[in-house]
Protein backbone atom coordinates (compact mmCIF):
# COMPACT_ATOMS: atom_id res chain seq x y z
CA MET A 1 111.05 86.02 119.91
CA PRO A 2 110.59 88.28 116.87
CA SER A 3 113.03 88.28 114.00
CA PRO A 4 115.82 90.90 114.03
CA VAL A 5 114.68 94.45 113.39
CA ASN A 6 114.52 95.48 109.73
CA THR A 7 117.42 97.91 109.39
CA GLY A 8 115.66 99.97 106.74
CA ALA A 9 118.27 99.04 104.13
CA HIS A 10 115.65 97.16 102.12
CA PRO A 11 112.11 98.15 101.06
CA PRO A 12 109.18 96.85 103.12
CA ARG A 13 107.75 93.48 102.12
CA GLN A 14 105.22 93.53 99.31
CA ILE A 15 101.58 93.46 100.32
CA SER A 16 98.37 92.28 98.70
CA GLY A 17 94.76 92.19 99.84
CA LEU A 18 92.31 89.30 100.08
CA GLN A 19 89.17 90.69 101.74
CA THR A 20 86.37 92.43 99.83
CA GLU A 21 85.81 96.16 100.08
CA GLU A 22 82.47 95.52 101.79
CA VAL A 23 84.11 93.46 104.53
CA LEU A 24 86.89 96.02 105.03
CA ALA A 25 84.41 98.89 105.21
CA GLY A 26 82.44 97.03 107.86
CA VAL A 27 85.56 96.44 109.95
CA ALA A 28 86.56 100.08 109.57
CA GLN A 29 83.17 101.13 110.91
CA GLU A 30 83.59 98.81 113.91
CA LEU A 31 86.92 100.44 114.76
CA ALA A 32 85.48 103.94 114.29
CA ASP A 33 82.63 103.04 116.65
CA ALA A 34 85.09 101.68 119.21
CA ALA A 35 87.08 104.91 119.12
CA ARG A 36 83.86 106.90 119.63
CA THR A 37 82.25 104.78 122.35
CA GLY A 38 85.24 103.35 124.17
CA VAL A 39 83.87 99.84 123.76
CA PRO A 40 86.61 97.49 122.46
CA VAL A 41 86.15 95.16 119.50
CA PRO A 42 87.41 91.56 119.15
CA LEU A 43 90.82 91.09 117.58
CA LEU A 44 90.63 91.20 113.79
CA SER A 45 93.41 88.63 113.50
CA LYS A 46 91.26 86.12 115.42
CA ARG A 47 88.17 86.74 113.29
CA PHE A 48 89.73 86.97 109.82
CA SER A 49 92.48 84.38 109.39
CA GLY A 50 93.25 85.63 105.89
CA LEU A 51 93.51 89.33 106.77
CA THR A 52 96.62 90.68 105.04
CA ILE A 53 98.79 93.72 105.65
CA ALA A 54 97.22 95.31 102.58
CA ASP A 55 93.73 94.69 104.00
CA ALA A 56 94.76 96.26 107.29
CA TYR A 57 96.17 99.38 105.63
CA ARG A 58 92.99 99.65 103.56
CA ILE A 59 90.89 99.58 106.76
CA GLN A 60 93.10 102.31 108.18
CA ARG A 61 92.69 104.37 105.00
CA ILE A 62 88.89 104.03 104.91
CA ASN A 63 88.62 105.63 108.34
CA LEU A 64 91.18 108.31 107.50
CA ASP A 65 89.32 109.25 104.30
CA LYS A 66 86.08 109.60 106.26
CA GLN A 67 87.74 111.93 108.76
CA VAL A 68 89.34 114.06 106.06
CA SER A 69 86.08 114.30 104.13
CA SER A 70 84.49 115.61 107.34
CA GLY A 71 87.06 118.40 107.55
CA ALA A 72 89.96 116.85 109.45
CA ARG A 73 93.50 117.80 108.38
CA ILE A 74 96.49 115.48 108.22
CA ALA A 75 99.46 116.63 110.33
CA GLY A 76 101.83 113.79 109.58
CA HIS A 77 102.75 110.13 109.86
CA LYS A 78 103.96 107.84 112.61
CA ILE A 79 106.28 104.92 112.12
CA GLY A 80 105.86 102.26 114.76
CA LEU A 81 107.67 99.15 115.96
CA THR A 82 111.06 100.44 114.84
CA SER A 83 112.99 99.40 117.96
CA ALA A 84 113.87 95.96 119.25
CA ALA A 85 112.24 96.91 122.57
CA MET A 86 108.89 97.65 120.95
CA GLN A 87 109.01 94.67 118.58
CA GLU A 88 109.74 92.35 121.50
CA GLN A 89 107.03 93.98 123.64
CA MET A 90 104.41 93.55 120.91
CA GLY A 91 105.68 90.27 119.40
CA ILE A 92 105.86 91.88 115.95
CA ASP A 93 108.84 91.72 113.59
CA GLU A 94 108.53 94.67 111.21
CA PRO A 95 107.59 98.35 111.36
CA ASP A 96 104.16 99.73 110.61
CA SER A 97 102.80 103.20 109.95
CA GLY A 98 99.80 105.35 110.72
CA VAL A 99 98.54 108.88 110.17
CA PHE A 100 97.75 111.56 112.72
CA LEU A 101 95.54 114.64 112.37
CA THR A 102 96.11 118.22 113.50
CA SER A 103 93.44 117.66 116.17
CA MET A 104 95.65 114.94 117.70
CA VAL A 105 98.71 117.18 118.14
CA ALA A 106 99.56 119.26 121.23
CA VAL A 107 102.75 121.06 122.25
CA SER A 108 105.09 120.38 125.15
CA GLY A 109 103.53 121.28 128.49
CA ALA A 110 100.07 120.08 127.49
CA ARG A 111 97.67 118.36 129.89
CA LEU A 112 96.04 115.14 128.76
CA ARG A 113 93.04 113.35 130.25
CA SER A 114 93.71 109.63 130.54
CA ALA A 115 89.95 109.09 130.75
CA ASP A 116 89.68 110.18 127.11
CA PHE A 117 91.43 106.95 126.07
CA MET A 118 90.75 103.23 126.45
CA SER A 119 94.12 101.76 127.48
CA PRO A 120 96.68 104.49 126.80
CA ARG A 121 100.45 104.14 126.78
CA ILE A 122 103.27 106.57 125.98
CA GLU A 123 106.53 106.45 124.02
CA THR A 124 109.42 108.88 123.54
CA GLU A 125 110.33 109.50 119.92
CA ILE A 126 112.59 111.48 117.62
CA ALA A 127 110.46 113.40 115.14
CA PHE A 128 111.10 115.29 111.92
CA ARG A 129 109.39 118.06 109.99
CA LEU A 130 110.01 117.92 106.24
CA ARG A 131 111.11 120.96 104.29
CA ARG A 132 110.35 119.42 100.91
CA ASP A 133 108.29 116.64 99.38
CA LEU A 134 109.42 113.01 99.26
CA THR A 135 107.26 111.62 96.47
CA GLU A 136 109.06 108.36 95.67
CA PRO A 137 111.11 105.65 97.39
CA SER A 138 114.29 107.40 98.52
CA ASP A 139 117.75 106.59 99.79
CA LEU A 140 119.23 107.82 103.05
CA GLY A 141 120.98 110.82 101.48
CA THR A 142 117.80 112.04 99.78
CA VAL A 143 115.83 111.67 102.99
CA ARG A 144 118.48 113.49 105.00
CA SER A 145 118.36 116.47 102.65
CA ALA A 146 114.56 116.68 102.91
CA VAL A 147 114.46 117.15 106.70
CA GLY A 148 114.00 120.72 107.89
CA GLU A 149 113.57 120.35 111.66
CA VAL A 150 114.06 117.72 114.32
CA PHE A 151 112.57 117.48 117.83
CA LEU A 152 111.61 115.16 120.65
CA ALA A 153 108.02 114.02 120.87
CA PHE A 154 105.74 111.83 122.93
CA GLU A 155 103.36 109.54 121.13
CA VAL A 156 100.24 108.46 122.97
CA LEU A 157 99.20 104.95 121.98
CA ASP A 158 95.78 103.44 122.49
CA THR A 159 94.11 100.19 121.54
CA MET A 160 90.58 99.64 120.26
CA PHE A 161 90.84 96.00 121.35
CA ALA A 162 90.38 94.41 124.78
CA ASP A 163 94.13 94.32 125.49
CA TRP A 164 97.54 94.89 123.89
CA ASN A 165 97.97 91.26 122.77
CA ILE A 166 97.67 92.29 119.12
CA THR A 167 99.25 91.24 115.83
CA LEU A 168 100.66 93.40 113.07
CA VAL A 169 97.38 93.52 111.12
CA ASP A 170 95.44 94.54 114.24
CA SER A 171 97.89 97.34 114.87
CA ILE A 172 97.85 98.64 111.29
CA ALA A 173 94.07 98.55 110.94
CA ALA A 174 93.73 100.61 114.13
CA ASN A 175 96.00 103.36 112.74
CA ALA A 176 99.14 101.76 114.17
CA ALA A 177 97.70 102.54 117.64
CA CYS A 178 98.38 106.27 117.25
CA ALA A 179 96.08 108.31 119.50
CA GLY A 180 97.98 111.54 120.12
CA VAL A 181 101.25 113.42 119.66
CA ILE A 182 103.01 115.88 121.99
CA THR A 183 105.75 117.86 120.23
CA GLY A 184 108.85 119.39 121.78
CA SER A 185 110.43 122.59 120.47
CA PRO A 186 111.88 122.02 117.00
CA VAL A 187 115.45 122.90 116.07
CA PRO A 188 116.88 123.27 112.54
CA PHE A 189 118.21 119.95 111.32
CA ASP A 190 121.93 119.77 110.64
CA PRO A 191 122.59 117.03 108.04
CA ALA A 192 125.96 116.43 109.69
CA TRP A 193 124.31 115.34 112.97
CA ASP A 194 124.66 111.73 114.00
CA LEU A 195 121.17 111.17 115.36
CA ALA A 196 122.01 107.54 116.04
CA ALA A 197 124.20 108.76 118.92
CA GLU A 198 121.45 110.89 120.51
CA GLN A 199 121.02 109.85 124.17
CA ILE A 200 117.41 110.02 125.37
CA ARG A 201 116.03 109.76 128.90
CA ALA A 202 112.35 109.51 129.88
CA GLN A 203 111.16 110.40 133.38
CA ALA A 204 107.90 110.07 135.29
CA ASP A 205 107.55 112.46 138.23
CA GLY A 206 111.29 113.07 138.18
CA GLU A 207 112.26 109.39 138.25
CA ASP A 208 114.01 107.72 135.32
CA VAL A 209 111.67 105.17 133.73
CA ALA A 210 113.33 104.52 130.36
CA THR A 211 116.42 105.36 128.36
CA GLY A 212 117.40 104.88 124.76
CA GLN A 213 119.48 106.10 121.87
CA GLY A 214 118.73 107.24 118.36
CA ARG A 215 120.31 104.03 117.06
CA ASP A 216 117.54 102.07 118.76
CA ILE A 217 115.32 103.25 115.87
CA LEU A 218 116.37 100.94 113.01
CA GLY A 219 120.01 101.83 113.67
CA ASP A 220 119.35 105.50 112.76
CA PRO A 221 116.06 107.45 112.94
CA LEU A 222 116.58 108.55 109.35
CA GLN A 223 116.43 104.89 108.30
CA ALA A 224 112.86 104.81 109.59
CA LEU A 225 112.01 107.79 107.40
CA THR A 226 113.66 106.03 104.47
CA TRP A 227 111.49 102.96 105.16
CA LEU A 228 108.39 105.15 105.09
CA THR A 229 109.24 106.55 101.64
CA HIS A 230 109.16 102.96 100.37
CA ARG A 231 105.94 102.03 102.18
CA LEU A 232 103.69 105.02 101.41
CA PRO A 233 103.76 104.86 97.58
CA VAL A 234 102.53 101.27 97.85
CA LEU A 235 99.59 102.68 99.81
CA GLY A 236 98.91 105.40 97.23
CA THR A 237 100.28 108.40 99.13
CA THR A 238 103.55 110.25 99.70
CA LEU A 239 105.25 112.65 102.11
CA ARG A 240 104.77 116.39 101.69
CA ALA A 241 106.68 119.47 102.84
CA GLY A 242 105.49 120.43 106.30
CA ASP A 243 104.60 116.86 107.31
CA ILE A 244 105.66 115.73 110.77
CA VAL A 245 107.06 112.21 110.92
CA LEU A 246 107.50 110.31 114.17
CA ALA A 247 110.43 107.96 113.58
CA GLY A 248 109.56 105.52 116.36
CA SER A 249 110.12 104.93 120.06
CA VAL A 250 113.52 104.47 121.68
CA HIS A 251 112.03 102.41 124.50
CA ALA A 252 109.17 100.03 125.25
CA SER A 253 105.87 101.85 125.81
CA LEU A 254 104.83 102.90 129.32
CA PRO A 255 101.35 103.14 130.88
CA LEU A 256 99.86 106.63 130.66
CA THR A 257 99.07 106.90 134.37
CA PRO A 258 96.77 109.65 135.70
CA GLY A 259 98.51 112.24 137.88
CA THR A 260 101.90 111.69 136.25
CA HIS A 261 104.28 114.31 134.86
CA PHE A 262 106.21 112.79 131.95
CA ARG A 263 109.38 114.48 130.74
CA ALA A 264 111.96 113.42 128.16
CA THR A 265 115.38 114.92 127.49
CA SER A 266 118.14 114.22 125.02
CA THR A 267 121.69 115.19 124.15
CA ARG A 268 120.93 118.12 121.85
CA LEU A 269 117.16 118.43 121.53
CA PRO A 270 114.87 120.49 123.79
CA SER A 271 112.90 118.55 126.37
CA VAL A 272 109.26 117.54 125.95
CA ASP A 273 106.75 117.54 128.85
CA LEU A 274 103.29 116.13 129.40
CA ARG A 275 101.02 116.15 132.45
CA VAL A 276 98.38 113.43 132.67
CA VAL A 277 95.21 114.14 134.65
């Protein structure tokens, strides 16, 4: 059983790397090839016993830099493993983060081909769009004042490995498993809102398949955003106005099954819909 969820009240643990840049670049290429060909790679955690969190984030960054240098644009960041349900499902005891590109984002009502992924799953999330930069580790009040919009979102997860029996470093290296984002209609964020009390329901073909609350995300979705402001400077980047941030899932991930209509609703936020073909 994983340790209790990090509440976000403290900065993420410090990280340091052990592997050489040559080794990390080679692993990054393997993961890029897996994403392109659909052929999974062996677990990194099984092959590199000394692979650290810093090494894993560096692998993630190498592939991101290649994509950006080829013309891709960053749309935002995802925070993963922020709920007890997801930490227990994955056997991981702290959050992680990844980056998603504009090409990975679609709006509510989109159709998605499951065949375009290797082993896709779906989560329901609370997401934010920032109205100003967050360039340094911030407290909850500073983060709250930086949010411009809030909305429901689906995150599509995928693995570049043979199955989902992964460790934290495997997840981070593979962009925290982020493979796609479906955004609901945004609404202006009211700083007085208690997002922890938001009641969220996920349905597949009209049947309830998962429920959750905003407090399932580190006690408050804004705590996840606070955690990210502490993590990103360590990685050499920060949050910018206009960035979308997925705060994390309110339920354990679900298989992205072909022929399914997924829909999520919440107390005050517009619904988000996705059809899988």
